[in-house]
Amino acid sequence: MTPASDSARRSRPLLGTFVEVTAGGLPEDDLNAAIEQAFDAVAHVHRLVSFHESGSDVSRLNRSALFGPVTVDPQTLEVLDWSRRFAEASEGGFDITVAAELVEWGLLPRPDSRYRPDGRGSWRDVESLPNGTVRFHRPLWIDLGGIAKGYAVDRAVERLRASLPLTLFLFDLLHLDGEDLVDRPAAERQEALARLAPEATWNHFSGASRARSSRLP
């Protein structure tokens, strides 16, 4: 899709993929400045969670957290907290300690580490301490790539919201509170969506489709 004349689009390689930001509604200089802020937010997360860069928080944890607490950035702690929530909700189906298997399969390089991971290790062996440090209770390696991309997008949107008028379009609701709604009637899904965003208004795009829109603060 070609951007409108009053919009700007940029793309950069970050977090093992290409990150694209498109924005509009402001003069070109302001758009470019806002997009740079969004990329800065993503790049910061990239520097923290990169499995490849030796100075990242993830690399330092994989190198040293078994031997004692390692101080990490608050955003790294937040990503670890979210990973813990997903691990609990999925009963271990989501587990950041999968890194050892990814290395074995050749999907990640072997980190700079003095030990081989213990196959019994899991997300439960990664502890975040109140003083902003993290330690491992078993020999293990972590990879935050599976969750950090979404986290980085959230941080980029926060930056954009500070300078751009944003409207959120909600077309459908496929999952709610652990329940799959895909097979529910469309009208029932729309009612559930309306309950989640009561302040939104309906925008009709055609006789067959509609979306709720809400201006973000």
C-alpha atoms as a PDB file:
ATOM      1  CA  MET A   1       0.000   0.000   0.000  1.00  0.00           C
ATOM      2  CA  THR A   2       1.399   3.406  -1.034  1.00  0.00           C
ATOM      3  CA  PRO A   3       1.473   5.902   1.832  1.00  0.00           C
ATOM      4  CA  ALA A   4      -0.608   9.050   1.470  1.00  0.00           C
ATOM      5  CA  SER A   5       1.196  12.201   0.459  1.00  0.00           C
ATOM      6  CA  ASP A   6       1.077  13.537   4.024  1.00  0.00           C
ATOM      7  CA  SER A   7       2.619  10.403   5.543  1.00  0.00           C
ATOM      8  CA  ALA A   8       6.116   9.005   5.918  1.00  0.00           C
ATOM      9  CA  ARG A   9       7.374   5.423   6.029  1.00  0.00           C
ATOM     10  CA  ARG A  10      10.741   4.127   7.226  1.00  0.00           C
ATOM     11  CA  SER A  11      12.182   0.637   7.688  1.00  0.00           C
ATOM     12  CA  ARG A  12      15.270  -0.618   9.545  1.00  0.00           C
ATOM     13  CA  PRO A  13      16.725  -4.004  10.513  1.00  0.00           C
ATOM     14  CA  LEU A  14      16.267  -4.519  14.250  1.00  0.00           C
ATOM     15  CA  LEU A  15      15.517  -7.452  16.560  1.00  0.00           C
ATOM     16  CA  GLY A  16      16.340  -9.974  13.850  1.00  0.00           C
ATOM     17  CA  THR A  17      13.684  -8.626  11.474  1.00  0.00           C
ATOM     18  CA  PHE A  18      12.731  -5.470   9.585  1.00  0.00           C
ATOM     19  CA  VAL A  19      10.873  -2.861  11.630  1.00  0.00           C
ATOM     20  CA  GLU A  20       8.664  -0.524   9.616  1.00  0.00           C
ATOM     21  CA  VAL A  21       7.086   2.661  10.952  1.00  0.00           C
ATOM     22  CA  THR A  22       4.489   4.652   9.019  1.00  0.00           C
ATOM     23  CA  ALA A  23       3.070   7.893  10.397  1.00  0.00           C
ATOM     24  CA  GLY A  24       1.010  10.803   9.138  1.00  0.00           C
ATOM     25  CA  GLY A  25      -0.922  13.864  10.162  1.00  0.00           C
ATOM     26  CA  LEU A  26       1.973  16.255  10.800  1.00  0.00           C
ATOM     27  CA  PRO A  27       4.480  18.285   8.747  1.00  0.00           C
ATOM     28  CA  GLU A  28       7.278  16.207   7.245  1.00  0.00           C
ATOM     29  CA  ASP A  29       9.964  17.340   9.714  1.00  0.00           C
ATOM     30  CA  ASP A  30       7.725  16.480  12.659  1.00  0.00           C
ATOM     31  CA  LEU A  31       6.870  13.097  11.161  1.00  0.00           C
ATOM     32  CA  ASN A  32      10.524  12.254  10.648  1.00  0.00           C
ATOM     33  CA  ALA A  33      11.355  13.279  14.222  1.00  0.00           C
ATOM     34  CA  ALA A  34       8.505  11.146  15.595  1.00  0.00           C
ATOM     35  CA  ILE A  35       9.572   8.136  13.535  1.00  0.00           C
ATOM     36  CA  GLU A  36      13.153   8.513  14.772  1.00  0.00           C
ATOM     37  CA  GLN A  37      11.842   8.460  18.340  1.00  0.00           C
ATOM     38  CA  ALA A  38       9.981   5.222  17.586  1.00  0.00           C
ATOM     39  CA  PHE A  39      13.092   3.626  16.104  1.00  0.00           C
ATOM     40  CA  ASP A  40      15.146   4.774  19.098  1.00  0.00           C
ATOM     41  CA  ALA A  41      12.712   2.955  21.401  1.00  0.00           C
ATOM     42  CA  VAL A  42      13.003  -0.262  19.392  1.00  0.00           C
ATOM     43  CA  ALA A  43      16.780   0.036  19.131  1.00  0.00           C
ATOM     44  CA  HIS A  44      17.049   0.414  22.902  1.00  0.00           C
ATOM     45  CA  VAL A  45      15.154  -2.836  23.433  1.00  0.00           C
ATOM     46  CA  HIS A  46      17.321  -4.467  20.756  1.00  0.00           C
ATOM     47  CA  ARG A  47      20.488  -3.485  22.638  1.00  0.00           C
ATOM     48  CA  LEU A  48      19.098  -4.943  25.858  1.00  0.00           C
ATOM     49  CA  VAL A  49      17.824  -8.314  24.633  1.00  0.00           C
ATOM     50  CA  SER A  50      20.100  -9.180  21.720  1.00  0.00           C
ATOM     51  CA  PHE A  51      21.339 -12.770  21.929  1.00  0.00           C
ATOM     52  CA  HIS A  52      24.173 -11.899  19.541  1.00  0.00           C
ATOM     53  CA  GLU A  53      25.660  -8.748  21.099  1.00  0.00           C
ATOM     54  CA  SER A  54      28.063  -9.482  23.948  1.00  0.00           C
ATOM     55  CA  GLY A  55      27.172  -6.350  25.906  1.00  0.00           C
ATOM     56  CA  SER A  56      23.407  -6.891  25.976  1.00  0.00           C
ATOM     57  CA  ASP A  57      21.623  -7.710  29.207  1.00  0.00           C
ATOM     58  CA  VAL A  58      20.692 -11.133  27.831  1.00  0.00           C
ATOM     59  CA  SER A  59      24.303 -11.948  27.002  1.00  0.00           C
ATOM     60  CA  ARG A  60      25.493 -10.788  30.407  1.00  0.00           C
ATOM     61  CA  LEU A  61      22.843 -12.920  32.109  1.00  0.00           C
ATOM     62  CA  ASN A  62      23.769 -15.981  30.072  1.00  0.00           C
ATOM     63  CA  ARG A  63      27.396 -15.385  30.988  1.00  0.00           C
ATOM     64  CA  SER A  64      27.177 -14.516  34.689  1.00  0.00           C
ATOM     65  CA  ALA A  65      23.737 -14.863  36.323  1.00  0.00           C
ATOM     66  CA  LEU A  66      24.430 -18.447  37.403  1.00  0.00           C
ATOM     67  CA  PHE A  67      27.311 -17.221  39.565  1.00  0.00           C
ATOM     68  CA  GLY A  68      25.574 -14.252  41.177  1.00  0.00           C
ATOM     69  CA  PRO A  69      22.955 -11.529  40.682  1.00  0.00           C
ATOM     70  CA  VAL A  70      23.401  -9.374  37.564  1.00  0.00           C
ATOM     71  CA  THR A  71      22.069  -5.820  37.356  1.00  0.00           C
ATOM     72  CA  VAL A  72      19.904  -5.199  34.277  1.00  0.00           C
ATOM     73  CA  ASP A  73      17.905  -2.368  32.750  1.00  0.00           C
ATOM     74  CA  PRO A  74      14.348  -1.823  34.077  1.00  0.00           C
ATOM     75  CA  GLN A  75      12.964  -2.641  30.638  1.00  0.00           C
ATOM     76  CA  THR A  76      14.745  -5.998  30.685  1.00  0.00           C
ATOM     77  CA  LEU A  77      13.115  -6.679  34.047  1.00  0.00           C
ATOM     78  CA  GLU A  78       9.749  -5.798  32.540  1.00  0.00           C
ATOM     79  CA  VAL A  79      10.254  -8.187  29.615  1.00  0.00           C
ATOM     80  CA  LEU A  80      11.271 -10.923  32.054  1.00  0.00           C
ATOM     81  CA  ASP A  81       8.146 -10.233  34.097  1.00  0.00           C
ATOM     82  CA  TRP A  82       5.944 -10.583  31.024  1.00  0.00           C
ATOM     83  CA  SER A  83       7.750 -13.764  29.998  1.00  0.00           C
ATOM     84  CA  ARG A  84       7.038 -15.185  33.449  1.00  0.00           C
ATOM     85  CA  ARG A  85       3.344 -14.361  33.101  1.00  0.00           C
ATOM     86  CA  PHE A  86       3.145 -16.034  29.689  1.00  0.00           C
ATOM     87  CA  ALA A  87       5.002 -19.087  31.000  1.00  0.00           C
ATOM     88  CA  GLU A  88       2.573 -19.437  33.871  1.00  0.00           C
ATOM     89  CA  ALA A  89      -0.477 -18.913  31.652  1.00  0.00           C
ATOM     90  CA  SER A  90       0.765 -21.476  29.120  1.00  0.00           C
ATOM     91  CA  GLU A  91       1.892 -23.934  31.808  1.00  0.00           C
ATOM     92  CA  GLY A  92       5.425 -23.771  30.458  1.00  0.00           C
ATOM     93  CA  GLY A  93       4.495 -23.847  26.778  1.00  0.00           C
ATOM     94  CA  PHE A  94       6.215 -20.476  26.499  1.00  0.00           C
ATOM     95  CA  ASP A  95       9.669 -20.720  28.064  1.00  0.00           C
ATOM     96  CA  ILE A  96      12.582 -18.318  27.517  1.00  0.00           C
ATOM     97  CA  THR A  97      15.058 -21.041  28.505  1.00  0.00           C
ATOM     98  CA  VAL A  98      14.468 -22.648  25.096  1.00  0.00           C
ATOM     99  CA  ALA A  99      17.689 -20.908  24.005  1.00  0.00           C
ATOM    100  CA  ALA A 100      19.796 -24.047  24.566  1.00  0.00           C
ATOM    101  CA  GLU A 101      17.643 -25.985  22.103  1.00  0.00           C
ATOM    102  CA  LEU A 102      17.801 -23.164  19.572  1.00  0.00           C
ATOM    103  CA  VAL A 103      21.588 -23.218  19.840  1.00  0.00           C
ATOM    104  CA  GLU A 104      21.633 -26.990  19.406  1.00  0.00           C
ATOM    105  CA  TRP A 105      19.456 -26.696  16.293  1.00  0.00           C
ATOM    106  CA  GLY A 106      21.781 -24.064  14.840  1.00  0.00           C
ATOM    107  CA  LEU A 107      19.205 -21.268  15.039  1.00  0.00           C
ATOM    108  CA  LEU A 108      21.252 -19.240  17.541  1.00  0.00           C
ATOM    109  CA  PRO A 109      25.020 -18.989  18.071  1.00  0.00           C
ATOM    110  CA  ARG A 110      26.532 -20.480  21.212  1.00  0.00           C
ATOM    111  CA  PRO A 111      26.775 -17.706  23.801  1.00  0.00           C
ATOM    112  CA  ASP A 112      29.935 -16.789  25.682  1.00  0.00           C
ATOM    113  CA  SER A 113      29.299 -19.070  28.634  1.00  0.00           C
ATOM    114  CA  ARG A 114      31.470 -21.228  30.890  1.00  0.00           C
ATOM    115  CA  TYR A 115      28.871 -23.987  31.258  1.00  0.00           C
ATOM    116  CA  ARG A 116      26.487 -26.179  29.362  1.00  0.00           C
ATOM    117  CA  PRO A 117      22.803 -25.754  30.224  1.00  0.00           C
ATOM    118  CA  ASP A 118      21.073 -28.215  32.507  1.00  0.00           C
ATOM    119  CA  GLY A 119      18.180 -29.828  30.645  1.00  0.00           C
ATOM    120  CA  ARG A 120      16.090 -29.647  33.812  1.00  0.00           C
ATOM    121  CA  GLY A 121      16.248 -25.846  33.850  1.00  0.00           C
ATOM    122  CA  SER A 122      13.136 -23.823  33.054  1.00  0.00           C
ATOM    123  CA  TRP A 123      11.666 -20.349  33.385  1.00  0.00           C
ATOM    124  CA  ARG A 124      11.128 -21.058  37.081  1.00  0.00           C
ATOM    125  CA  ASP A 125      14.916 -20.955  37.560  1.00  0.00           C
ATOM    126  CA  VAL A 126      15.147 -17.308  36.428  1.00  0.00           C
ATOM    127  CA  GLU A 127      14.634 -15.012  39.413  1.00  0.00           C
ATOM    128  CA  SER A 128      14.222 -11.245  39.334  1.00  0.00           C
ATOM    129  CA  LEU A 129      15.277  -9.706  42.634  1.00  0.00           C
ATOM    130  CA  PRO A 130      13.843  -6.537  44.227  1.00  0.00           C
ATOM    131  CA  ASN A 131      17.106  -4.607  43.765  1.00  0.00           C
ATOM    132  CA  GLY A 132      16.944  -4.741  39.962  1.00  0.00           C
ATOM    133  CA  THR A 133      19.131  -7.795  39.538  1.00  0.00           C
ATOM    134  CA  VAL A 134      18.530 -11.249  38.053  1.00  0.00           C
ATOM    135  CA  ARG A 135      20.030 -14.619  38.886  1.00  0.00           C
ATOM    136  CA  PHE A 136      19.770 -18.166  37.556  1.00  0.00           C
ATOM    137  CA  HIS A 137      19.239 -21.115  39.887  1.00  0.00           C
ATOM    138  CA  ARG A 138      20.347 -23.710  37.317  1.00  0.00           C
ATOM    139  CA  PRO A 139      22.775 -23.611  34.391  1.00  0.00           C
ATOM    140  CA  LEU A 140      20.636 -22.274  31.541  1.00  0.00           C
ATOM    141  CA  TRP A 141      20.527 -19.781  28.689  1.00  0.00           C
ATOM    142  CA  ILE A 142      17.631 -17.465  27.937  1.00  0.00           C
ATOM    143  CA  ASP A 143      16.402 -15.931  24.690  1.00  0.00           C
ATOM    144  CA  LEU A 144      13.904 -13.068  24.818  1.00  0.00           C
ATOM    145  CA  GLY A 145      13.482 -12.697  21.068  1.00  0.00           C
ATOM    146  CA  GLY A 146      10.058 -14.314  21.088  1.00  0.00           C
ATOM    147  CA  ILE A 147       8.560 -11.695  23.390  1.00  0.00           C
ATOM    148  CA  ALA A 148      10.795  -8.655  22.973  1.00  0.00           C
ATOM    149  CA  LYS A 149       9.467  -7.791  19.505  1.00  0.00           C
ATOM    150  CA  GLY A 150       5.980  -7.139  20.824  1.00  0.00           C
ATOM    151  CA  TYR A 151       7.369  -5.280  23.821  1.00  0.00           C
ATOM    152  CA  ALA A 152       9.481  -3.081  21.525  1.00  0.00           C
ATOM    153  CA  VAL A 153       6.425  -2.240  19.409  1.00  0.00           C
ATOM    154  CA  ASP A 154       4.590  -1.113  22.558  1.00  0.00           C
ATOM    155  CA  ARG A 155       7.481   1.169  23.472  1.00  0.00           C
ATOM    156  CA  ALA A 156       7.585   2.592  19.942  1.00  0.00           C
ATOM    157  CA  VAL A 157       3.856   3.316  20.040  1.00  0.00           C
ATOM    158  CA  GLU A 158       4.329   5.129  23.349  1.00  0.00           C
ATOM    159  CA  ARG A 159       6.892   7.384  21.688  1.00  0.00           C
ATOM    160  CA  LEU A 160       4.598   8.033  18.717  1.00  0.00           C
ATOM    161  CA  ARG A 161       1.627   8.802  20.955  1.00  0.00           C
ATOM    162  CA  ALA A 162       3.619  11.610  22.537  1.00  0.00           C
ATOM    163  CA  SER A 163       3.757  13.548  19.265  1.00  0.00           C
ATOM    164  CA  LEU A 164       1.201  12.123  16.821  1.00  0.00           C
ATOM    165  CA  PRO A 165      -2.603  11.976  16.771  1.00  0.00           C
ATOM    166  CA  LEU A 166      -3.372   8.235  16.856  1.00  0.00           C
ATOM    167  CA  THR A 167      -6.644   6.408  16.317  1.00  0.00           C
ATOM    168  CA  LEU A 168      -7.014   2.766  17.278  1.00  0.00           C
ATOM    169  CA  PHE A 169      -9.277   0.648  15.045  1.00  0.00           C
ATOM    170  CA  LEU A 170     -10.762  -2.480  16.629  1.00  0.00           C
ATOM    171  CA  PHE A 171     -12.222  -4.781  13.986  1.00  0.00           C
ATOM    172  CA  ASP A 172     -12.776  -8.003  15.854  1.00  0.00           C
ATOM    173  CA  LEU A 173     -12.091  -9.887  19.072  1.00  0.00           C
ATOM    174  CA  LEU A 174     -10.705 -13.399  18.610  1.00  0.00           C
ATOM    175  CA  HIS A 175      -9.362 -14.151  22.094  1.00  0.00           C
ATOM    176  CA  LEU A 176     -10.431 -12.914  25.534  1.00  0.00           C
ATOM    177  CA  ASP A 177      -9.234 -13.878  29.011  1.00  0.00           C
ATOM    178  CA  GLY A 178      -7.783 -17.185  27.830  1.00  0.00           C
ATOM    179  CA  GLU A 179     -10.868 -18.115  25.790  1.00  0.00           C
ATOM    180  CA  ASP A 180     -10.792 -18.694  22.021  1.00  0.00           C
ATOM    181  CA  LEU A 181     -13.658 -16.753  20.406  1.00  0.00           C
ATOM    182  CA  VAL A 182     -12.942 -17.645  16.778  1.00  0.00           C
ATOM    183  CA  ASP A 183     -15.936 -20.000  16.490  1.00  0.00           C
ATOM    184  CA  ARG A 184     -18.360 -17.640  18.226  1.00  0.00           C
ATOM    185  CA  PRO A 185     -20.918 -15.748  16.087  1.00  0.00           C
ATOM    186  CA  ALA A 186     -19.628 -12.442  14.772  1.00  0.00           C
ATOM    187  CA  ALA A 187     -22.377 -10.516  16.578  1.00  0.00           C
ATOM    188  CA  GLU A 188     -21.361 -12.051  19.891  1.00  0.00           C
ATOM    189  CA  ARG A 189     -17.707 -11.122  19.316  1.00  0.00           C
ATOM    190  CA  GLN A 190     -18.705  -7.550  18.470  1.00  0.00           C
ATOM    191  CA  GLU A 191     -20.737  -7.312  21.687  1.00  0.00           C
ATOM    192  CA  ALA A 192     -17.723  -8.469  23.688  1.00  0.00           C
ATOM    193  CA  LEU A 193     -15.581  -5.916  21.868  1.00  0.00           C
ATOM    194  CA  ALA A 194     -18.070  -3.164  22.686  1.00  0.00           C
ATOM    195  CA  ARG A 195     -17.886  -4.061  26.372  1.00  0.00           C
ATOM    196  CA  LEU A 196     -14.097  -3.757  26.277  1.00  0.00           C
ATOM    197  CA  ALA A 197     -14.146  -0.337  24.580  1.00  0.00           C
ATOM    198  CA  PRO A 198     -17.413   1.356  25.579  1.00  0.00           C
ATOM    199  CA  GLU A 199     -16.028   4.818  24.842  1.00  0.00           C
ATOM    200  CA  ALA A 200     -15.379   3.962  21.183  1.00  0.00           C
ATOM    201  CA  THR A 201     -17.712   4.860  18.321  1.00  0.00           C
ATOM    202  CA  TRP A 202     -18.731   2.743  15.349  1.00  0.00           C
ATOM    203  CA  ASN A 203     -17.318   3.611  11.941  1.00  0.00           C
ATOM    204  CA  HIS A 204     -19.063   1.949   8.979  1.00  0.00           C
ATOM    205  CA  PHE A 205     -16.791   1.080   6.072  1.00  0.00           C
ATOM    206  CA  SER A 206     -19.272  -1.005   4.117  1.00  0.00           C
ATOM    207  CA  GLY A 207     -22.508  -2.897   4.606  1.00  0.00           C
ATOM    208  CA  ALA A 208     -20.517  -6.010   5.569  1.00  0.00           C
ATOM    209  CA  SER A 209     -17.807  -4.669   7.832  1.00  0.00           C
ATOM    210  CA  ARG A 210     -17.400  -2.081  10.526  1.00  0.00           C
ATOM    211  CA  ALA A 211     -14.874  -1.128  13.151  1.00  0.00           C
ATOM    212  CA  ARG A 212     -14.839   0.638  16.464  1.00  0.00           C
ATOM    213  CA  SER A 213     -12.463   3.587  16.616  1.00  0.00           C
ATOM    214  CA  SER A 214     -11.129   5.368  19.626  1.00  0.00           C
ATOM    215  CA  ARG A 215      -8.755   8.337  19.767  1.00  0.00           C
ATOM    216  CA  LEU A 216      -5.848   7.480  22.038  1.00  0.00           C
ATOM    217  CA  PRO A 217      -4.937  10.039  24.707  1.00  0.00           C
END
